[in-house]
């Protein structure tokens, strides 16, 4: 398992690269090449659940519609409710 310092360094580096890139196609290709097909599905499902929670859709409905566990949905809900939630800030960019 990677040490937390290595994880943080790599996430910071990727974040900086993505922040500098204005090419949506390049970013999408980067993500598809970085993640396995199963990981792409998982990440997309997690983003879909965050958007559904933000729209006020009940957790059980989200679980049924997206095939996700209530544990994942509850975690997403807790993250959205944090005072300085990065997820909430990113959702604001959608509008």
PDB file of N, CA and C in Angstrom:
ATOM      1  N   UNK A   1       0.839  -1.175   0.000  1.00  0.00           N
ATOM      2  CA  UNK A   1       0.000   0.000   0.000  1.00  0.00           C
ATOM      3  C   UNK A   1       0.892   1.248   0.000  1.00  0.00           C
ATOM      4  N   UNK A   2       0.465   2.269  -0.737  1.00  0.00           N
ATOM      5  CA  UNK A   2       1.224   3.512  -0.813  1.00  0.00           C
ATOM      6  C   UNK A   2       1.160   4.276   0.499  1.00  0.00           C
ATOM      7  N   UNK A   3       2.261   4.915   0.819  1.00  0.00           N
ATOM      8  CA  UNK A   3       2.289   5.778   1.996  1.00  0.00           C
ATOM      9  C   UNK A   3       1.435   7.007   1.726  1.00  0.00           C
ATOM     10  N   UNK A   4       0.880   7.574   2.763  1.00  0.00           N
ATOM     11  CA  UNK A   4      -0.013   8.724   2.633  1.00  0.00           C
ATOM     12  C   UNK A   4       0.688   9.902   1.960  1.00  0.00           C
ATOM     13  N   UNK A   5       1.979  10.082   2.216  1.00  0.00           N
ATOM     14  CA  UNK A   5       2.724  11.177   1.592  1.00  0.00           C
ATOM     15  C   UNK A   5       2.765  10.995   0.072  1.00  0.00           C
ATOM     16  N   UNK A   6       2.983   9.770  -0.387  1.00  0.00           N
ATOM     17  CA  UNK A   6       3.031   9.489  -1.820  1.00  0.00           C
ATOM     18  C   UNK A   6       1.648   9.708  -2.432  1.00  0.00           C
ATOM     19  N   UNK A   7       0.618   9.280  -1.736  1.00  0.00           N
ATOM     20  CA  UNK A   7      -0.754   9.492  -2.203  1.00  0.00           C
ATOM     21  C   UNK A   7      -1.022  10.989  -2.337  1.00  0.00           C
ATOM     22  N   UNK A   8      -0.716  11.743  -1.308  1.00  0.00           N
ATOM     23  CA  UNK A   8      -0.963  13.190  -1.316  1.00  0.00           C
ATOM     24  C   UNK A   8      -0.177  13.896  -2.416  1.00  0.00           C
ATOM     25  N   UNK A   9       1.076  13.518  -2.602  1.00  0.00           N
ATOM     26  CA  UNK A   9       1.902  14.131  -3.640  1.00  0.00           C
ATOM     27  C   UNK A   9       1.320  13.877  -5.029  1.00  0.00           C
ATOM     28  N   UNK A  10       0.910  12.651  -5.274  1.00  0.00           N
ATOM     29  CA  UNK A  10       0.373  12.304  -6.586  1.00  0.00           C
ATOM     30  C   UNK A  10      -0.987  12.934  -6.843  1.00  0.00           C
ATOM     31  N   UNK A  11      -1.835  12.986  -5.817  1.00  0.00           N
ATOM     32  CA  UNK A  11      -3.126  13.661  -5.977  1.00  0.00           C
ATOM     33  C   UNK A  11      -2.925  15.155  -6.239  1.00  0.00           C
ATOM     34  N   UNK A  12      -1.979  15.759  -5.536  1.00  0.00           N
ATOM     35  CA  UNK A  12      -1.692  17.181  -5.738  1.00  0.00           C
ATOM     36  C   UNK A  12      -1.177  17.431  -7.153  1.00  0.00           C
ATOM     37  N   UNK A  13      -0.316  16.568  -7.628  1.00  0.00           N
ATOM     38  CA  UNK A  13       0.230  16.721  -8.973  1.00  0.00           C
ATOM     39  C   UNK A  13      -0.857  16.576 -10.036  1.00  0.00           C
ATOM     40  N   UNK A  14      -1.691  15.550  -9.903  1.00  0.00           N
ATOM     41  CA  UNK A  14      -2.778  15.355 -10.862  1.00  0.00           C
ATOM     42  C   UNK A  14      -3.776  16.513 -10.798  1.00  0.00           C
ATOM     43  N   UNK A  15      -4.082  16.984  -9.601  1.00  0.00           N
ATOM     44  CA  UNK A  15      -5.008  18.107  -9.446  1.00  0.00           C
ATOM     45  C   UNK A  15      -4.479  19.343 -10.153  1.00  0.00           C
ATOM     46  N   UNK A  16      -3.190  19.619  -9.994  1.00  0.00           N
ATOM     47  CA  UNK A  16      -2.582  20.780 -10.642  1.00  0.00           C
ATOM     48  C   UNK A  16      -2.641  20.651 -12.159  1.00  0.00           C
ATOM     49  N   UNK A  17      -2.356  19.460 -12.666  1.00  0.00           N
ATOM     50  CA  UNK A  17      -2.423  19.246 -14.116  1.00  0.00           C
ATOM     51  C   UNK A  17      -3.839  19.441 -14.648  1.00  0.00           C
ATOM     52  N   UNK A  18      -4.812  18.881 -13.951  1.00  0.00           N
ATOM     53  CA  UNK A  18      -6.205  19.023 -14.382  1.00  0.00           C
ATOM     54  C   UNK A  18      -6.657  20.477 -14.313  1.00  0.00           C
ATOM     55  N   UNK A  19      -6.213  21.186 -13.284  1.00  0.00           N
ATOM     56  CA  UNK A  19      -6.599  22.593 -13.133  1.00  0.00           C
ATOM     57  C   UNK A  19      -6.011  23.454 -14.257  1.00  0.00           C
ATOM     58  N   UNK A  20      -4.876  23.058 -14.788  1.00  0.00           N
ATOM     59  CA  UNK A  20      -4.225  23.810 -15.860  1.00  0.00           C
ATOM     60  C   UNK A  20      -4.770  23.452 -17.242  1.00  0.00           C
ATOM     61  N   UNK A  21      -5.515  22.377 -17.336  1.00  0.00           N
ATOM     62  CA  UNK A  21      -5.965  21.867 -18.631  1.00  0.00           C
ATOM     63  C   UNK A  21      -7.376  22.347 -18.932  1.00  0.00           C
ATOM     64  N   UNK A  22      -7.538  23.008 -20.052  1.00  0.00           N
ATOM     65  CA  UNK A  22      -8.849  23.488 -20.485  1.00  0.00           C
ATOM     66  C   UNK A  22      -9.485  22.565 -21.518  1.00  0.00           C
ATOM     67  N   UNK A  23      -8.808  21.504 -21.885  1.00  0.00           N
ATOM     68  CA  UNK A  23      -9.274  20.588 -22.917  1.00  0.00           C
ATOM     69  C   UNK A  23     -10.095  19.467 -22.277  1.00  0.00           C
ATOM     70  N   UNK A  24     -11.430  19.581 -22.345  1.00  0.00           N
ATOM     71  CA  UNK A  24     -12.312  18.598 -21.714  1.00  0.00           C
ATOM     72  C   UNK A  24     -12.100  17.204 -22.294  1.00  0.00           C
ATOM     73  N   UNK A  25     -11.860  17.131 -23.593  1.00  0.00           N
ATOM     74  CA  UNK A  25     -11.621  15.832 -24.232  1.00  0.00           C
ATOM     75  C   UNK A  25     -10.369  15.167 -23.701  1.00  0.00           C
ATOM     76  N   UNK A  26      -9.308  15.949 -23.520  1.00  0.00           N
ATOM     77  CA  UNK A  26      -8.063  15.415 -22.966  1.00  0.00           C
ATOM     78  C   UNK A  26      -8.274  14.911 -21.548  1.00  0.00           C
ATOM     79  N   UNK A  27      -9.009  15.679 -20.756  1.00  0.00           N
ATOM     80  CA  UNK A  27      -9.274  15.262 -19.377  1.00  0.00           C
ATOM     81  C   UNK A  27     -10.078  13.962 -19.354  1.00  0.00           C
ATOM     82  N   UNK A  28     -11.108  13.878 -20.188  1.00  0.00           N
ATOM     83  CA  UNK A  28     -11.911  12.654 -20.228  1.00  0.00           C
ATOM     84  C   UNK A  28     -11.069  11.457 -20.672  1.00  0.00           C
ATOM     85  N   UNK A  29     -10.236  11.654 -21.699  1.00  0.00           N
ATOM     86  CA  UNK A  29      -9.358  10.567 -22.153  1.00  0.00           C
ATOM     87  C   UNK A  29      -8.377  10.169 -21.055  1.00  0.00           C
ATOM     88  N   UNK A  30      -7.834  11.165 -20.351  1.00  0.00           N
ATOM     89  CA  UNK A  30      -6.909  10.908 -19.245  1.00  0.00           C
ATOM     90  C   UNK A  30      -7.573  10.031 -18.184  1.00  0.00           C
ATOM     91  N   UNK A  31      -8.806  10.401 -17.802  1.00  0.00           N
ATOM     92  CA  UNK A  31      -9.517   9.630 -16.776  1.00  0.00           C
ATOM     93  C   UNK A  31      -9.831   8.219 -17.251  1.00  0.00           C
ATOM     94  N   UNK A  32     -10.248   8.086 -18.505  1.00  0.00           N
ATOM     95  CA  UNK A  32     -10.570   6.755 -19.043  1.00  0.00           C
ATOM     96  C   UNK A  32      -9.325   5.868 -19.135  1.00  0.00           C
ATOM     97  N   UNK A  33      -8.173   6.475 -19.400  1.00  0.00           N
ATOM     98  CA  UNK A  33      -6.936   5.694 -19.465  1.00  0.00           C
ATOM     99  C   UNK A  33      -6.368   5.399 -18.086  1.00  0.00           C
ATOM    100  N   UNK A  34      -6.585   6.308 -17.152  1.00  0.00           N
ATOM    101  CA  UNK A  34      -6.079   6.126 -15.794  1.00  0.00           C
ATOM    102  C   UNK A  34      -6.864   5.054 -15.044  1.00  0.00           C
ATOM    103  N   UNK A  35      -8.196   5.075 -15.207  1.00  0.00           N
ATOM    104  CA  UNK A  35      -9.065   4.143 -14.502  1.00  0.00           C
ATOM    105  C   UNK A  35      -9.430   2.947 -15.380  1.00  0.00           C
ATOM    106  N   UNK A  36      -9.665   1.819 -14.733  1.00  0.00           N
ATOM    107  CA  UNK A  36     -10.210   0.666 -15.445  1.00  0.00           C
ATOM    108  C   UNK A  36     -11.663   0.969 -15.795  1.00  0.00           C
ATOM    109  N   UNK A  37     -12.261   0.216 -16.727  1.00  0.00           N
ATOM    110  CA  UNK A  37     -13.683   0.438 -17.010  1.00  0.00           C
ATOM    111  C   UNK A  37     -14.558   0.351 -15.752  1.00  0.00           C
ATOM    112  N   UNK A  38     -14.262  -0.602 -14.882  1.00  0.00           N
ATOM    113  CA  UNK A  38     -15.041  -0.743 -13.640  1.00  0.00           C
ATOM    114  C   UNK A  38     -14.858   0.476 -12.741  1.00  0.00           C
ATOM    115  N   UNK A  39     -13.646   1.013 -12.664  1.00  0.00           N
ATOM    116  CA  UNK A  39     -13.405   2.201 -11.847  1.00  0.00           C
ATOM    117  C   UNK A  39     -14.115   3.422 -12.436  1.00  0.00           C
ATOM    118  N   UNK A  40     -14.146   3.532 -13.771  1.00  0.00           N
ATOM    119  CA  UNK A  40     -14.881   4.627 -14.417  1.00  0.00           C
ATOM    120  C   UNK A  40     -16.355   4.560 -14.048  1.00  0.00           C
ATOM    121  N   UNK A  41     -16.919   3.369 -14.075  1.00  0.00           N
ATOM    122  CA  UNK A  41     -18.326   3.192 -13.708  1.00  0.00           C
ATOM    123  C   UNK A  41     -18.536   3.590 -12.253  1.00  0.00           C
ATOM    124  N   UNK A  42     -17.638   3.177 -11.379  1.00  0.00           N
ATOM    125  CA  UNK A  42     -17.773   3.480  -9.952  1.00  0.00           C
ATOM    126  C   UNK A  42     -17.682   4.985  -9.699  1.00  0.00           C
ATOM    127  N   UNK A  43     -16.709   5.644 -10.314  1.00  0.00           N
ATOM    128  CA  UNK A  43     -16.547   7.092 -10.126  1.00  0.00           C
ATOM    129  C   UNK A  43     -17.762   7.830 -10.680  1.00  0.00           C
ATOM    130  N   UNK A  44     -18.232   7.425 -11.860  1.00  0.00           N
ATOM    131  CA  UNK A  44     -19.404   8.075 -12.459  1.00  0.00           C
ATOM    132  C   UNK A  44     -20.639   7.879 -11.583  1.00  0.00           C
ATOM    133  N   UNK A  45     -20.786   6.677 -11.017  1.00  0.00           N
ATOM    134  CA  UNK A  45     -21.932   6.403 -10.136  1.00  0.00           C
ATOM    135  C   UNK A  45     -21.854   7.253  -8.870  1.00  0.00           C
ATOM    136  N   UNK A  46     -20.671   7.438  -8.338  1.00  0.00           N
ATOM    137  CA  UNK A  46     -20.525   8.260  -7.134  1.00  0.00           C
ATOM    138  C   UNK A  46     -20.872   9.721  -7.422  1.00  0.00           C
ATOM    139  N   UNK A  47     -20.469  10.217  -8.593  1.00  0.00           N
ATOM    140  CA  UNK A  47     -20.811  11.595  -8.948  1.00  0.00           C
ATOM    141  C   UNK A  47     -22.316  11.707  -9.174  1.00  0.00           C
ATOM    142  N   UNK A  48     -22.913  10.699  -9.807  1.00  0.00           N
ATOM    143  CA  UNK A  48     -24.367  10.695 -10.021  1.00  0.00           C
ATOM    144  C   UNK A  48     -25.099  10.716  -8.678  1.00  0.00           C
ATOM    145  N   UNK A  49     -24.598   9.983  -7.696  1.00  0.00           N
ATOM    146  CA  UNK A  49     -25.265   9.957  -6.386  1.00  0.00           C
ATOM    147  C   UNK A  49     -25.146  11.296  -5.692  1.00  0.00           C
ATOM    148  N   UNK A  50     -24.006  11.970  -5.828  1.00  0.00           N
ATOM    149  CA  UNK A  50     -23.840  13.297  -5.230  1.00  0.00           C
ATOM    150  C   UNK A  50     -24.827  14.281  -5.860  1.00  0.00           C
ATOM    151  N   UNK A  51     -24.972  14.229  -7.182  1.00  0.00           N
ATOM    152  CA  UNK A  51     -25.920  15.120  -7.857  1.00  0.00           C
ATOM    153  C   UNK A  51     -27.351  14.805  -7.440  1.00  0.00           C
ATOM    154  N   UNK A  52     -27.673  13.521  -7.288  1.00  0.00           N
ATOM    155  CA  UNK A  52     -29.022  13.127  -6.873  1.00  0.00           C
ATOM    156  C   UNK A  52     -29.307  13.600  -5.445  1.00  0.00           C
ATOM    157  N   UNK A  53     -28.342  13.440  -4.549  1.00  0.00           N
ATOM    158  CA  UNK A  53     -28.515  13.932  -3.179  1.00  0.00           C
ATOM    159  C   UNK A  53     -28.746  15.431  -3.174  1.00  0.00           C
ATOM    160  N   UNK A  54     -27.998  16.134  -3.990  1.00  0.00           N
ATOM    161  CA  UNK A  54     -28.128  17.583  -4.074  1.00  0.00           C
ATOM    162  C   UNK A  54     -29.510  18.000  -4.570  1.00  0.00           C
ATOM    163  N   UNK A  55     -30.128  17.168  -5.407  1.00  0.00           N
ATOM    164  CA  UNK A  55     -31.481  17.460  -5.899  1.00  0.00           C
ATOM    165  C   UNK A  55     -32.550  17.044  -4.898  1.00  0.00           C
ATOM    166  N   UNK A  56     -32.145  16.447  -3.788  1.00  0.00           N
ATOM    167  CA  UNK A  56     -33.095  16.065  -2.751  1.00  0.00           C
ATOM    168  C   UNK A  56     -33.765  14.718  -2.975  1.00  0.00           C
ATOM    169  N   UNK A  57     -33.210  13.899  -3.830  1.00  0.00           N
ATOM    170  CA  UNK A  57     -33.782  12.577  -4.073  1.00  0.00           C
ATOM    171  C   UNK A  57     -33.515  11.694  -2.853  1.00  0.00           C
ATOM    172  N   UNK A  58     -34.514  10.952  -2.387  1.00  0.00           N
ATOM    173  CA  UNK A  58     -34.329  10.105  -1.209  1.00  0.00           C
ATOM    174  C   UNK A  58     -33.229   9.056  -1.420  1.00  0.00           C
ATOM    175  N   UNK A  59     -32.524   8.758  -0.340  1.00  0.00           N
ATOM    176  CA  UNK A  59     -31.400   7.824  -0.412  1.00  0.00           C
ATOM    177  C   UNK A  59     -31.813   6.449  -0.932  1.00  0.00           C
ATOM    178  N   UNK A  60     -32.954   5.961  -0.504  1.00  0.00           N
ATOM    179  CA  UNK A  60     -33.385   4.628  -0.967  1.00  0.00           C
ATOM    180  C   UNK A  60     -33.677   4.620  -2.469  1.00  0.00           C
ATOM    181  N   UNK A  61     -34.197   5.716  -2.974  1.00  0.00           N
ATOM    182  CA  UNK A  61     -34.447   5.829  -4.418  1.00  0.00           C
ATOM    183  C   UNK A  61     -33.134   5.840  -5.175  1.00  0.00           C
ATOM    184  N   UNK A  62     -32.153   6.581  -4.656  1.00  0.00           N
ATOM    185  CA  UNK A  62     -30.829   6.627  -5.283  1.00  0.00           C
ATOM    186  C   UNK A  62     -30.214   5.228  -5.287  1.00  0.00           C
ATOM    187  N   UNK A  63     -30.314   4.545  -4.159  1.00  0.00           N
ATOM    188  CA  UNK A  63     -29.750   3.191  -4.056  1.00  0.00           C
ATOM    189  C   UNK A  63     -30.357   2.277  -5.118  1.00  0.00           C
ATOM    190  N   UNK A  64     -31.663   2.353  -5.267  1.00  0.00           N
ATOM    191  CA  UNK A  64     -32.357   1.509  -6.242  1.00  0.00           C
ATOM    192  C   UNK A  64     -31.980   1.901  -7.671  1.00  0.00           C
ATOM    193  N   UNK A  65     -32.011   3.201  -7.962  1.00  0.00           N
ATOM    194  CA  UNK A  65     -31.752   3.681  -9.321  1.00  0.00           C
ATOM    195  C   UNK A  65     -30.313   3.441  -9.771  1.00  0.00           C
ATOM    196  N   UNK A  66     -29.357   3.626  -8.868  1.00  0.00           N
ATOM    197  CA  UNK A  66     -27.946   3.521  -9.236  1.00  0.00           C
ATOM    198  C   UNK A  66     -27.307   2.194  -8.831  1.00  0.00           C
ATOM    199  N   UNK A  67     -28.040   1.376  -8.099  1.00  0.00           N
ATOM    200  CA  UNK A  67     -27.485   0.089  -7.667  1.00  0.00           C
ATOM    201  C   UNK A  67     -26.347   0.248  -6.674  1.00  0.00           C
ATOM    202  N   UNK A  68     -26.465   1.250  -5.814  1.00  0.00           N
ATOM    203  CA  UNK A  68     -25.429   1.509  -4.815  1.00  0.00           C
ATOM    204  C   UNK A  68     -25.927   1.154  -3.425  1.00  0.00           C
ATOM    205  N   UNK A  69     -24.983   0.863  -2.545  1.00  0.00           N
ATOM    206  CA  UNK A  69     -25.348   0.558  -1.163  1.00  0.00           C
ATOM    207  C   UNK A  69     -25.724   1.837  -0.431  1.00  0.00           C
ATOM    208  N   UNK A  70     -26.568   1.681   0.571  1.00  0.00           N
ATOM    209  CA  UNK A  70     -26.933   2.832   1.407  1.00  0.00           C
ATOM    210  C   UNK A  70     -25.716   3.390   2.138  1.00  0.00           C
ATOM    211  N   UNK A  71     -24.720   2.535   2.408  1.00  0.00           N
ATOM    212  CA  UNK A  71     -23.492   3.006   3.073  1.00  0.00           C
ATOM    213  C   UNK A  71     -22.767   4.033   2.212  1.00  0.00           C
ATOM    214  N   UNK A  72     -22.646   3.770   0.903  1.00  0.00           N
ATOM    215  CA  UNK A  72     -21.986   4.725   0.004  1.00  0.00           C
ATOM    216  C   UNK A  72     -22.785   6.016  -0.079  1.00  0.00           C
ATOM    217  N   UNK A  73     -24.087   5.887  -0.115  1.00  0.00           N
ATOM    218  CA  UNK A  73     -24.940   7.066  -0.230  1.00  0.00           C
ATOM    219  C   UNK A  73     -24.883   7.892   1.046  1.00  0.00           C
ATOM    220  N   UNK A  74     -24.893   7.229   2.185  1.00  0.00           N
ATOM    221  CA  UNK A  74     -24.790   7.923   3.464  1.00  0.00           C
ATOM    222  C   UNK A  74     -23.457   8.652   3.568  1.00  0.00           C
ATOM    223  N   UNK A  75     -22.376   8.019   3.105  1.00  0.00           N
ATOM    224  CA  UNK A  75     -21.062   8.662   3.118  1.00  0.00           C
ATOM    225  C   UNK A  75     -21.090   9.922   2.247  1.00  0.00           C
ATOM    226  N   UNK A  76     -21.664   9.809   1.063  1.00  0.00           N
ATOM    227  CA  UNK A  76     -21.771  10.971   0.180  1.00  0.00           C
ATOM    228  C   UNK A  76     -22.571  12.089   0.814  1.00  0.00           C
ATOM    229  N   UNK A  77     -23.649  11.716   1.485  1.00  0.00           N
ATOM    230  CA  UNK A  77     -24.495  12.703   2.160  1.00  0.00           C
ATOM    231  C   UNK A  77     -23.728  13.422   3.260  1.00  0.00           C
ATOM    232  N   UNK A  78     -22.952  12.682   4.026  1.00  0.00           N
ATOM    233  CA  UNK A  78     -22.144  13.283   5.098  1.00  0.00           C
ATOM    234  C   UNK A  78     -21.107  14.236   4.519  1.00  0.00           C
ATOM    235  N   UNK A  79     -20.478  13.835   3.423  1.00  0.00           N
ATOM    236  CA  UNK A  79     -19.469  14.695   2.794  1.00  0.00           C
ATOM    237  C   UNK A  79     -20.100  15.999   2.293  1.00  0.00           C
ATOM    238  N   UNK A  80     -21.291  15.910   1.728  1.00  0.00           N
ATOM    239  CA  UNK A  80     -21.981  17.105   1.227  1.00  0.00           C
ATOM    240  C   UNK A  80     -22.345  18.074   2.343  1.00  0.00           C
ATOM    241  N   UNK A  81     -22.619  17.539   3.530  1.00  0.00           N
ATOM    242  CA  UNK A  81     -23.040  18.373   4.657  1.00  0.00           C
ATOM    243  C   UNK A  81     -21.872  19.029   5.395  1.00  0.00           C
ATOM    244  N   UNK A  82     -20.643  18.644   5.090  1.00  0.00           N
ATOM    245  CA  UNK A  82     -19.496  19.253   5.762  1.00  0.00           C
ATOM    246  C   UNK A  82     -19.469  20.741   5.450  1.00  0.00           C
ATOM    247  N   UNK A  83     -19.075  21.559   6.430  1.00  0.00           N
ATOM    248  CA  UNK A  83     -19.095  23.010   6.235  1.00  0.00           C
ATOM    249  C   UNK A  83     -18.297  23.493   5.019  1.00  0.00           C
ATOM    250  N   UNK A  84     -17.180  22.875   4.735  1.00  0.00           N
ATOM    251  CA  UNK A  84     -16.330  23.318   3.637  1.00  0.00           C
ATOM    252  C   UNK A  84     -16.232  22.226   2.566  1.00  0.00           C
ATOM    253  N   UNK A  85     -17.357  21.604   2.250  1.00  0.00           N
ATOM    254  CA  UNK A  85     -17.386  20.455   1.345  1.00  0.00           C
ATOM    255  C   UNK A  85     -16.917  20.809  -0.064  1.00  0.00           C
ATOM    256  N   UNK A  86     -15.878  20.114  -0.516  1.00  0.00           N
ATOM    257  CA  UNK A  86     -15.401  20.282  -1.889  1.00  0.00           C
ATOM    258  C   UNK A  86     -16.448  19.782  -2.876  1.00  0.00           C
ATOM    259  N   UNK A  87     -17.195  18.751  -2.491  1.00  0.00           N
ATOM    260  CA  UNK A  87     -18.249  18.230  -3.363  1.00  0.00           C
ATOM    261  C   UNK A  87     -19.317  19.302  -3.593  1.00  0.00           C
ATOM    262  N   UNK A  88     -19.728  19.967  -2.532  1.00  0.00           N
ATOM    263  CA  UNK A  88     -20.735  21.021  -2.656  1.00  0.00           C
ATOM    264  C   UNK A  88     -20.216  22.174  -3.519  1.00  0.00           C
ATOM    265  N   UNK A  89     -18.944  22.516  -3.343  1.00  0.00           N
ATOM    266  CA  UNK A  89     -18.352  23.585  -4.152  1.00  0.00           C
ATOM    267  C   UNK A  89     -18.327  23.211  -5.632  1.00  0.00           C
ATOM    268  N   UNK A  90     -18.029  21.956  -5.922  1.00  0.00           N
ATOM    269  CA  UNK A  90     -18.003  21.527  -7.320  1.00  0.00           C
ATOM    270  C   UNK A  90     -19.411  21.505  -7.900  1.00  0.00           C
ATOM    271  N   UNK A  91     -20.402  21.127  -7.099  1.00  0.00           N
ATOM    272  CA  UNK A  91     -21.790  21.147  -7.570  1.00  0.00           C
ATOM    273  C   UNK A  91     -22.231  22.558  -7.931  1.00  0.00           C
ATOM    274  N   UNK A  92     -21.754  23.541  -7.175  1.00  0.00           N
ATOM    275  CA  UNK A  92     -22.090  24.932  -7.461  1.00  0.00           C
ATOM    276  C   UNK A  92     -21.617  25.352  -8.858  1.00  0.00           C
ATOM    277  N   UNK A  93     -20.530  24.731  -9.323  1.00  0.00           N
ATOM    278  CA  UNK A  93     -19.970  25.059 -10.631  1.00  0.00           C
ATOM    279  C   UNK A  93     -20.859  24.547 -11.759  1.00  0.00           C
ATOM    280  N   UNK A  94     -21.759  23.612 -11.458  1.00  0.00           N
ATOM    281  CA  UNK A  94     -22.651  23.058 -12.485  1.00  0.00           C
ATOM    282  C   UNK A  94     -23.746  24.042 -12.869  1.00  0.00           C
ATOM    283  N   UNK A  95     -24.064  24.955 -11.950  1.00  0.00           N
ATOM    284  CA  UNK A  95     -25.172  25.881 -12.213  1.00  0.00           C
ATOM    285  C   UNK A  95     -24.712  27.205 -12.757  1.00  0.00           C
TER     286      UNK A  95
END
